[in-house]
Amino acid sequence: MGIFSENCPEFYITELACISDSVTIVPISADAQFLDSERVTRIIEATGLSSICVSSKTGGFLLDLKTNGKISSLKNIIVFDDTNE
């Protein structure tokens, strides 16, 4: 399970849920200095992530990569918060 979000309560709740069910977590930093499409694509493809949790801040970025065909392994994008905010 990937987590691509800034620090927030949902990040830690997801992390604890994964740990309690022995699910491997792949955290991807959402800091602006690390928000590089090549870096994010490389991490997702190298780990074979099929599901990832995102915030509304990082969801659009990830959706652009998915619609442009750069991340083929990704099947599920779970958004933590309301995308209309």
PDB file of N, CA and C in Angstrom:
ATOM      1  N   MET A   1       0.859  -1.171   0.000  1.00  0.00           N
ATOM      2  CA  MET A   1       0.000   0.000   0.000  1.00  0.00           C
ATOM      3  C   MET A   1       0.901   1.230   0.000  1.00  0.00           C
ATOM      4  N   GLY A   2       0.668   2.107  -0.948  1.00  0.00           N
ATOM      5  CA  GLY A   2       1.416   3.347  -0.985  1.00  0.00           C
ATOM      6  C   GLY A   2       0.671   4.444  -0.243  1.00  0.00           C
ATOM      7  N   ILE A   3       1.429   5.361   0.333  1.00  0.00           N
ATOM      8  CA  ILE A   3       0.846   6.545   0.959  1.00  0.00           C
ATOM      9  C   ILE A   3       1.589   7.749   0.398  1.00  0.00           C
ATOM     10  N   PHE A   4       0.871   8.579  -0.346  1.00  0.00           N
ATOM     11  CA  PHE A   4       1.436   9.761  -0.990  1.00  0.00           C
ATOM     12  C   PHE A   4       0.653  10.965  -0.492  1.00  0.00           C
ATOM     13  N   SER A   5       1.087  11.496   0.640  1.00  0.00           N
ATOM     14  CA  SER A   5       0.341  12.561   1.313  1.00  0.00           C
ATOM     15  C   SER A   5       1.268  13.323   2.247  1.00  0.00           C
ATOM     16  N   GLU A   6       0.877  14.544   2.535  1.00  0.00           N
ATOM     17  CA  GLU A   6       1.562  15.282   3.587  1.00  0.00           C
ATOM     18  C   GLU A   6       1.153  14.673   4.931  1.00  0.00           C
ATOM     19  N   ASN A   7       1.856  15.025   5.985  1.00  0.00           N
ATOM     20  CA  ASN A   7       1.515  14.503   7.313  1.00  0.00           C
ATOM     21  C   ASN A   7       0.119  14.977   7.710  1.00  0.00           C
ATOM     22  N   CYS A   8      -0.730  14.024   8.068  1.00  0.00           N
ATOM     23  CA  CYS A   8      -2.088  14.321   8.507  1.00  0.00           C
ATOM     24  C   CYS A   8      -2.583  13.109   9.293  1.00  0.00           C
ATOM     25  N   PRO A   9      -3.664  13.247  10.045  1.00  0.00           N
ATOM     26  CA  PRO A   9      -4.157  12.103  10.828  1.00  0.00           C
ATOM     27  C   PRO A   9      -4.459  10.874   9.966  1.00  0.00           C
ATOM     28  N   GLU A  10      -4.995  11.084   8.766  1.00  0.00           N
ATOM     29  CA  GLU A  10      -5.338   9.965   7.891  1.00  0.00           C
ATOM     30  C   GLU A  10      -4.097   9.170   7.471  1.00  0.00           C
ATOM     31  N   PHE A  11      -2.978   9.854   7.320  1.00  0.00           N
ATOM     32  CA  PHE A  11      -1.718   9.190   6.988  1.00  0.00           C
ATOM     33  C   PHE A  11      -1.389   8.158   8.060  1.00  0.00           C
ATOM     34  N   TYR A  12      -1.457   8.584   9.315  1.00  0.00           N
ATOM     35  CA  TYR A  12      -1.094   7.700  10.421  1.00  0.00           C
ATOM     36  C   TYR A  12      -2.137   6.612  10.670  1.00  0.00           C
ATOM     37  N   ILE A  13      -3.395   6.921  10.449  1.00  0.00           N
ATOM     38  CA  ILE A  13      -4.448   5.908  10.592  1.00  0.00           C
ATOM     39  C   ILE A  13      -4.262   4.810   9.543  1.00  0.00           C
ATOM     40  N   THR A  14      -3.962   5.219   8.321  1.00  0.00           N
ATOM     41  CA  THR A  14      -3.707   4.251   7.248  1.00  0.00           C
ATOM     42  C   THR A  14      -2.477   3.414   7.561  1.00  0.00           C
ATOM     43  N   GLU A  15      -1.440   4.071   8.047  1.00  0.00           N
ATOM     44  CA  GLU A  15      -0.207   3.368   8.407  1.00  0.00           C
ATOM     45  C   GLU A  15      -0.469   2.318   9.491  1.00  0.00           C
ATOM     46  N   LEU A  16      -1.206   2.705  10.524  1.00  0.00           N
ATOM     47  CA  LEU A  16      -1.519   1.756  11.604  1.00  0.00           C
ATOM     48  C   LEU A  16      -2.388   0.599  11.115  1.00  0.00           C
ATOM     49  N   ALA A  17      -3.349   0.894  10.244  1.00  0.00           N
ATOM     50  CA  ALA A  17      -4.205  -0.159   9.696  1.00  0.00           C
ATOM     51  C   ALA A  17      -3.372  -1.157   8.885  1.00  0.00           C
ATOM     52  N   CYS A  18      -2.441  -0.655   8.094  1.00  0.00           N
ATOM     53  CA  CYS A  18      -1.576  -1.538   7.305  1.00  0.00           C
ATOM     54  C   CYS A  18      -0.689  -2.384   8.197  1.00  0.00           C
ATOM     55  N   ILE A  19      -0.118  -1.773   9.214  1.00  0.00           N
ATOM     56  CA  ILE A  19       0.747  -2.507  10.140  1.00  0.00           C
ATOM     57  C   ILE A  19      -0.031  -3.604  10.857  1.00  0.00           C
ATOM     58  N   SER A  20      -1.259  -3.295  11.267  1.00  0.00           N
ATOM     59  CA  SER A  20      -2.050  -4.283  12.000  1.00  0.00           C
ATOM     60  C   SER A  20      -2.441  -5.475  11.127  1.00  0.00           C
ATOM     61  N   ASP A  21      -2.419  -5.290   9.806  1.00  0.00           N
ATOM     62  CA  ASP A  21      -2.786  -6.373   8.896  1.00  0.00           C
ATOM     63  C   ASP A  21      -1.578  -6.913   8.115  1.00  0.00           C
ATOM     64  N   SER A  22      -0.368  -6.536   8.573  1.00  0.00           N
ATOM     65  CA  SER A  22       0.901  -6.970   7.967  1.00  0.00           C
ATOM     66  C   SER A  22       1.021  -6.600   6.487  1.00  0.00           C
ATOM     67  N   VAL A  23       0.537  -5.418   6.143  1.00  0.00           N
ATOM     68  CA  VAL A  23       0.630  -4.906   4.771  1.00  0.00           C
ATOM     69  C   VAL A  23       1.868  -4.024   4.676  1.00  0.00           C
ATOM     70  N   THR A  24       2.664  -4.247   3.641  1.00  0.00           N
ATOM     71  CA  THR A  24       3.857  -3.436   3.428  1.00  0.00           C
ATOM     72  C   THR A  24       3.464  -2.039   2.978  1.00  0.00           C
ATOM     73  N   ILE A  25       4.117  -1.034   3.568  1.00  0.00           N
ATOM     74  CA  ILE A  25       3.813   0.371   3.273  1.00  0.00           C
ATOM     75  C   ILE A  25       4.952   0.966   2.455  1.00  0.00           C
ATOM     76  N   VAL A  26       4.582   1.703   1.406  1.00  0.00           N
ATOM     77  CA  VAL A  26       5.560   2.440   0.605  1.00  0.00           C
ATOM     78  C   VAL A  26       5.201   3.916   0.737  1.00  0.00           C
ATOM     79  N   PRO A  27       5.886   4.641   1.631  1.00  0.00           N
ATOM     80  CA  PRO A  27       5.595   6.068   1.770  1.00  0.00           C
ATOM     81  C   PRO A  27       6.306   6.856   0.673  1.00  0.00           C
ATOM     82  N   ILE A  28       5.597   7.832   0.110  1.00  0.00           N
ATOM     83  CA  ILE A  28       6.174   8.721  -0.899  1.00  0.00           C
ATOM     84  C   ILE A  28       6.020  10.142  -0.386  1.00  0.00           C
ATOM     85  N   SER A  29       7.136  10.835  -0.254  1.00  0.00           N
ATOM     86  CA  SER A  29       7.107  12.192   0.297  1.00  0.00           C
ATOM     87  C   SER A  29       6.314  13.134  -0.599  1.00  0.00           C
ATOM     88  N   ALA A  30       5.486  13.957   0.017  1.00  0.00           N
ATOM     89  CA  ALA A  30       4.678  14.928  -0.723  1.00  0.00           C
ATOM     90  C   ALA A  30       5.226  16.339  -0.591  1.00  0.00           C
ATOM     91  N   ASP A  31       6.422  16.482  -0.018  1.00  0.00           N
ATOM     92  CA  ASP A  31       7.036  17.807   0.086  1.00  0.00           C
ATOM     93  C   ASP A  31       7.321  18.343  -1.306  1.00  0.00           C
ATOM     94  N   ALA A  32       7.153  19.640  -1.488  1.00  0.00           N
ATOM     95  CA  ALA A  32       7.331  20.266  -2.796  1.00  0.00           C
ATOM     96  C   ALA A  32       8.705  19.977  -3.391  1.00  0.00           C
ATOM     97  N   GLN A  33       9.729  19.904  -2.556  1.00  0.00           N
ATOM     98  CA  GLN A  33      11.079  19.664  -3.062  1.00  0.00           C
ATOM     99  C   GLN A  33      11.247  18.269  -3.652  1.00  0.00           C
ATOM    100  N   PHE A  34      10.357  17.339  -3.287  1.00  0.00           N
ATOM    101  CA  PHE A  34      10.438  15.971  -3.785  1.00  0.00           C
ATOM    102  C   PHE A  34       9.335  15.656  -4.796  1.00  0.00           C
ATOM    103  N   LEU A  35       8.482  16.615  -5.114  1.00  0.00           N
ATOM    104  CA  LEU A  35       7.340  16.390  -5.997  1.00  0.00           C
ATOM    105  C   LEU A  35       7.799  16.435  -7.453  1.00  0.00           C
ATOM    106  N   ASP A  36       8.387  15.337  -7.881  1.00  0.00           N
ATOM    107  CA  ASP A  36       8.958  15.206  -9.212  1.00  0.00           C
ATOM    108  C   ASP A  36       8.311  13.996  -9.878  1.00  0.00           C
ATOM    109  N   SER A  37       7.747  14.176 -11.060  1.00  0.00           N
ATOM    110  CA  SER A  37       7.005  13.089 -11.701  1.00  0.00           C
ATOM    111  C   SER A  37       7.884  11.873 -11.981  1.00  0.00           C
ATOM    112  N   GLU A  38       9.130  12.074 -12.368  1.00  0.00           N
ATOM    113  CA  GLU A  38      10.023  10.940 -12.625  1.00  0.00           C
ATOM    114  C   GLU A  38      10.294  10.148 -11.354  1.00  0.00           C
ATOM    115  N   ARG A  39      10.507  10.845 -10.250  1.00  0.00           N
ATOM    116  CA  ARG A  39      10.784  10.194  -8.968  1.00  0.00           C
ATOM    117  C   ARG A  39       9.584   9.383  -8.501  1.00  0.00           C
ATOM    118  N   VAL A  40       8.413   9.997  -8.542  1.00  0.00           N
ATOM    119  CA  VAL A  40       7.192   9.322  -8.087  1.00  0.00           C
ATOM    120  C   VAL A  40       6.888   8.120  -8.983  1.00  0.00           C
ATOM    121  N   THR A  41       7.015   8.299 -10.291  1.00  0.00           N
ATOM    122  CA  THR A  41       6.784   7.200 -11.231  1.00  0.00           C
ATOM    123  C   THR A  41       7.748   6.052 -10.972  1.00  0.00           C
ATOM    124  N   ARG A  42       9.006   6.360 -10.763  1.00  0.00           N
ATOM    125  CA  ARG A  42      10.025   5.332 -10.524  1.00  0.00           C
ATOM    126  C   ARG A  42       9.712   4.526  -9.260  1.00  0.00           C
ATOM    127  N   ILE A  43       9.302   5.207  -8.196  1.00  0.00           N
ATOM    128  CA  ILE A  43       8.973   4.517  -6.939  1.00  0.00           C
ATOM    129  C   ILE A  43       7.774   3.591  -7.129  1.00  0.00           C
ATOM    130  N   ILE A  44       6.727   4.093  -7.757  1.00  0.00           N
ATOM    131  CA  ILE A  44       5.507   3.299  -7.939  1.00  0.00           C
ATOM    132  C   ILE A  44       5.768   2.092  -8.836  1.00  0.00           C
ATOM    133  N   GLU A  45       6.459   2.294  -9.935  1.00  0.00           N
ATOM    134  CA  GLU A  45       6.730   1.183 -10.857  1.00  0.00           C
ATOM    135  C   GLU A  45       7.718   0.179 -10.270  1.00  0.00           C
ATOM    136  N   ALA A  46       8.749   0.650  -9.571  1.00  0.00           N
ATOM    137  CA  ALA A  46       9.754  -0.253  -8.998  1.00  0.00           C
ATOM    138  C   ALA A  46       9.165  -1.145  -7.911  1.00  0.00           C
ATOM    139  N   THR A  47       8.197  -0.619  -7.166  1.00  0.00           N
ATOM    140  CA  THR A  47       7.595  -1.400  -6.084  1.00  0.00           C
ATOM    141  C   THR A  47       6.364  -2.174  -6.547  1.00  0.00           C
ATOM    142  N   GLY A  48       5.866  -1.877  -7.743  1.00  0.00           N
ATOM    143  CA  GLY A  48       4.692  -2.570  -8.258  1.00  0.00           C
ATOM    144  C   GLY A  48       3.420  -2.234  -7.505  1.00  0.00           C
ATOM    145  N   LEU A  49       3.336  -1.016  -6.979  1.00  0.00           N
ATOM    146  CA  LEU A  49       2.146  -0.615  -6.218  1.00  0.00           C
ATOM    147  C   LEU A  49       0.882  -0.746  -7.063  1.00  0.00           C
ATOM    148  N   SER A  50      -0.140  -1.331  -6.481  1.00  0.00           N
ATOM    149  CA  SER A  50      -1.431  -1.397  -7.167  1.00  0.00           C
ATOM    150  C   SER A  50      -2.453  -0.494  -6.487  1.00  0.00           C
ATOM    151  N   SER A  51      -2.194  -0.115  -5.229  1.00  0.00           N
ATOM    152  CA  SER A  51      -3.102   0.769  -4.481  1.00  0.00           C
ATOM    153  C   SER A  51      -2.299   1.837  -3.760  1.00  0.00           C
ATOM    154  N   ILE A  52      -2.856   3.032  -3.729  1.00  0.00           N
ATOM    155  CA  ILE A  52      -2.176   4.138  -3.057  1.00  0.00           C
ATOM    156  C   ILE A  52      -3.207   5.073  -2.438  1.00  0.00           C
ATOM    157  N   CYS A  53      -2.896   5.582  -1.253  1.00  0.00           N
ATOM    158  CA  CYS A  53      -3.733   6.565  -0.567  1.00  0.00           C
ATOM    159  C   CYS A  53      -3.111   7.935  -0.779  1.00  0.00           C
ATOM    160  N   VAL A  54      -3.942   8.907  -1.115  1.00  0.00           N
ATOM    161  CA  VAL A  54      -3.454  10.251  -1.410  1.00  0.00           C
ATOM    162  C   VAL A  54      -4.320  11.293  -0.708  1.00  0.00           C
ATOM    163  N   SER A  55      -3.783  12.499  -0.605  1.00  0.00           N
ATOM    164  CA  SER A  55      -4.581  13.625  -0.140  1.00  0.00           C
ATOM    165  C   SER A  55      -5.099  14.357  -1.369  1.00  0.00           C
ATOM    166  N   SER A  56      -5.976  15.315  -1.187  1.00  0.00           N
ATOM    167  CA  SER A  56      -6.456  16.087  -2.335  1.00  0.00           C
ATOM    168  C   SER A  56      -5.308  16.877  -2.967  1.00  0.00           C
ATOM    169  N   LYS A  57      -4.290  17.199  -2.173  1.00  0.00           N
ATOM    170  CA  LYS A  57      -3.122  17.932  -2.681  1.00  0.00           C
ATOM    171  C   LYS A  57      -2.311  17.089  -3.669  1.00  0.00           C
ATOM    172  N   THR A  58      -2.137  15.800  -3.388  1.00  0.00           N
ATOM    173  CA  THR A  58      -1.308  14.944  -4.232  1.00  0.00           C
ATOM    174  C   THR A  58      -2.126  14.112  -5.225  1.00  0.00           C
ATOM    175  N   GLY A  59      -3.425  14.038  -5.023  1.00  0.00           N
ATOM    176  CA  GLY A  59      -4.276  13.221  -5.891  1.00  0.00           C
ATOM    177  C   GLY A  59      -4.276  13.662  -7.341  1.00  0.00           C
ATOM    178  N   GLY A  60      -4.371  14.950  -7.571  1.00  0.00           N
ATOM    179  CA  GLY A  60      -4.370  15.465  -8.942  1.00  0.00           C
ATOM    180  C   GLY A  60      -3.067  15.175  -9.658  1.00  0.00           C
ATOM    181  N   PHE A  61      -1.966  15.354  -8.940  1.00  0.00           N
ATOM    182  CA  PHE A  61      -0.633  15.075  -9.481  1.00  0.00           C
ATOM    183  C   PHE A  61      -0.539  13.613  -9.917  1.00  0.00           C
ATOM    184  N   LEU A  62      -1.004  12.718  -9.055  1.00  0.00           N
ATOM    185  CA  LEU A  62      -0.944  11.287  -9.338  1.00  0.00           C
ATOM    186  C   LEU A  62      -1.903  10.902 -10.468  1.00  0.00           C
ATOM    187  N   LEU A  63      -3.073  11.496 -10.483  1.00  0.00           N
ATOM    188  CA  LEU A  63      -4.051  11.207 -11.529  1.00  0.00           C
ATOM    189  C   LEU A  63      -3.525  11.615 -12.910  1.00  0.00           C
ATOM    190  N   ASP A  64      -2.808  12.729 -12.976  1.00  0.00           N
ATOM    191  CA  ASP A  64      -2.182  13.148 -14.235  1.00  0.00           C
ATOM    192  C   ASP A  64      -1.191  12.099 -14.724  1.00  0.00           C
ATOM    193  N   LEU A  65      -0.381  11.564 -13.816  1.00  0.00           N
ATOM    194  CA  LEU A  65       0.582  10.533 -14.188  1.00  0.00           C
ATOM    195  C   LEU A  65      -0.133   9.272 -14.690  1.00  0.00           C
ATOM    196  N   LYS A  66      -1.219   8.912 -14.016  1.00  0.00           N
ATOM    197  CA  LYS A  66      -1.975   7.713 -14.391  1.00  0.00           C
ATOM    198  C   LYS A  66      -2.637   7.888 -15.755  1.00  0.00           C
ATOM    199  N   THR A  67      -3.273   9.018 -15.986  1.00  0.00           N
ATOM    200  CA  THR A  67      -3.966   9.232 -17.258  1.00  0.00           C
ATOM    201  C   THR A  67      -2.996   9.378 -18.427  1.00  0.00           C
ATOM    202  N   ASN A  68      -1.768   9.789 -18.145  1.00  0.00           N
ATOM    203  CA  ASN A  68      -0.749   9.880 -19.197  1.00  0.00           C
ATOM    204  C   ASN A  68      -0.031   8.553 -19.423  1.00  0.00           C
ATOM    205  N   GLY A  69      -0.453   7.504 -18.717  1.00  0.00           N
ATOM    206  CA  GLY A  69       0.089   6.169 -18.918  1.00  0.00           C
ATOM    207  C   GLY A  69       1.470   5.937 -18.339  1.00  0.00           C
ATOM    208  N   LYS A  70       1.884   6.788 -17.395  1.00  0.00           N
ATOM    209  CA  LYS A  70       3.222   6.655 -16.825  1.00  0.00           C
ATOM    210  C   LYS A  70       3.298   5.651 -15.685  1.00  0.00           C
ATOM    211  N   ILE A  71       2.166   5.323 -15.073  1.00  0.00           N
ATOM    212  CA  ILE A  71       2.164   4.360 -13.966  1.00  0.00           C
ATOM    213  C   ILE A  71       1.128   3.268 -14.243  1.00  0.00           C
ATOM    214  N   SER A  72       1.577   2.236 -14.908  1.00  0.00           N
ATOM    215  CA  SER A  72       0.670   1.169 -15.343  1.00  0.00           C
ATOM    216  C   SER A  72       0.269   0.222 -14.221  1.00  0.00           C
ATOM    217  N   SER A  73       1.108   0.072 -13.199  1.00  0.00           N
ATOM    218  CA  SER A  73       0.809  -0.899 -12.134  1.00  0.00           C
ATOM    219  C   SER A  73      -0.319  -0.429 -11.211  1.00  0.00           C
ATOM    220  N   LEU A  74      -0.560   0.875 -11.152  1.00  0.00           N
ATOM    221  CA  LEU A  74      -1.524   1.439 -10.204  1.00  0.00           C
ATOM    222  C   LEU A  74      -2.964   1.192 -10.651  1.00  0.00           C
ATOM    223  N   LYS A  75      -3.743   0.563  -9.781  1.00  0.00           N
ATOM    224  CA  LYS A  75      -5.146   0.236 -10.080  1.00  0.00           C
ATOM    225  C   LYS A  75      -6.127   1.013  -9.205  1.00  0.00           C
ATOM    226  N   ASN A  76      -5.744   1.324  -7.949  1.00  0.00           N
ATOM    227  CA  ASN A  76      -6.649   1.969  -6.993  1.00  0.00           C
ATOM    228  C   ASN A  76      -6.021   3.229  -6.420  1.00  0.00           C
ATOM    229  N   ILE A  77      -6.763   4.333  -6.478  1.00  0.00           N
ATOM    230  CA  ILE A  77      -6.337   5.578  -5.842  1.00  0.00           C
ATOM    231  C   ILE A  77      -7.398   5.925  -4.811  1.00  0.00           C
ATOM    232  N   ILE A  78      -6.993   5.964  -3.547  1.00  0.00           N
ATOM    233  CA  ILE A  78      -7.907   6.243  -2.437  1.00  0.00           C
ATOM    234  C   ILE A  78      -7.587   7.634  -1.910  1.00  0.00           C
ATOM    235  N   VAL A  79      -8.592   8.527  -1.947  1.00  0.00           N
ATOM    236  CA  VAL A  79      -8.395   9.920  -1.538  1.00  0.00           C
ATOM    237  C   VAL A  79      -8.847  10.087  -0.087  1.00  0.00           C
ATOM    238  N   PHE A  80      -7.960  10.640   0.738  1.00  0.00           N
ATOM    239  CA  PHE A  80      -8.245  10.833   2.161  1.00  0.00           C
ATOM    240  C   PHE A  80      -9.361  11.833   2.438  1.00  0.00           C
ATOM    241  N   ASP A  81      -9.355  12.934   1.698  1.00  0.00           N
ATOM    242  CA  ASP A  81     -10.269  14.019   2.048  1.00  0.00           C
ATOM    243  C   ASP A  81     -11.108  14.451   0.851  1.00  0.00           C
ATOM    244  N   ASP A  82     -11.971  15.418   1.074  1.00  0.00           N
ATOM    245  CA  ASP A  82     -12.877  15.915   0.055  1.00  0.00           C
ATOM    246  C   ASP A  82     -12.076  16.633  -1.028  1.00  0.00           C
ATOM    247  N   THR A  83     -12.273  16.234  -2.260  1.00  0.00           N
ATOM    248  CA  THR A  83     -11.535  16.843  -3.376  1.00  0.00           C
ATOM    249  C   THR A  83     -12.129  18.158  -3.845  1.00  0.00           C
ATOM    250  N   ASN A  84     -13.273  18.560  -3.295  1.00  0.00           N
ATOM    251  CA  ASN A  84     -13.918  19.802  -3.696  1.00  0.00           C
ATOM    252  C   ASN A  84     -13.465  21.006  -2.886  1.00  0.00           C
ATOM    253  N   GLU A  85     -12.610  20.771  -1.915  1.00  0.00           N
ATOM    254  CA  GLU A  85     -12.168  21.880  -1.063  1.00  0.00           C
ATOM    255  C   GLU A  85     -11.134  22.718  -1.743  1.00  0.00           C
TER     256      GLU A  85
END
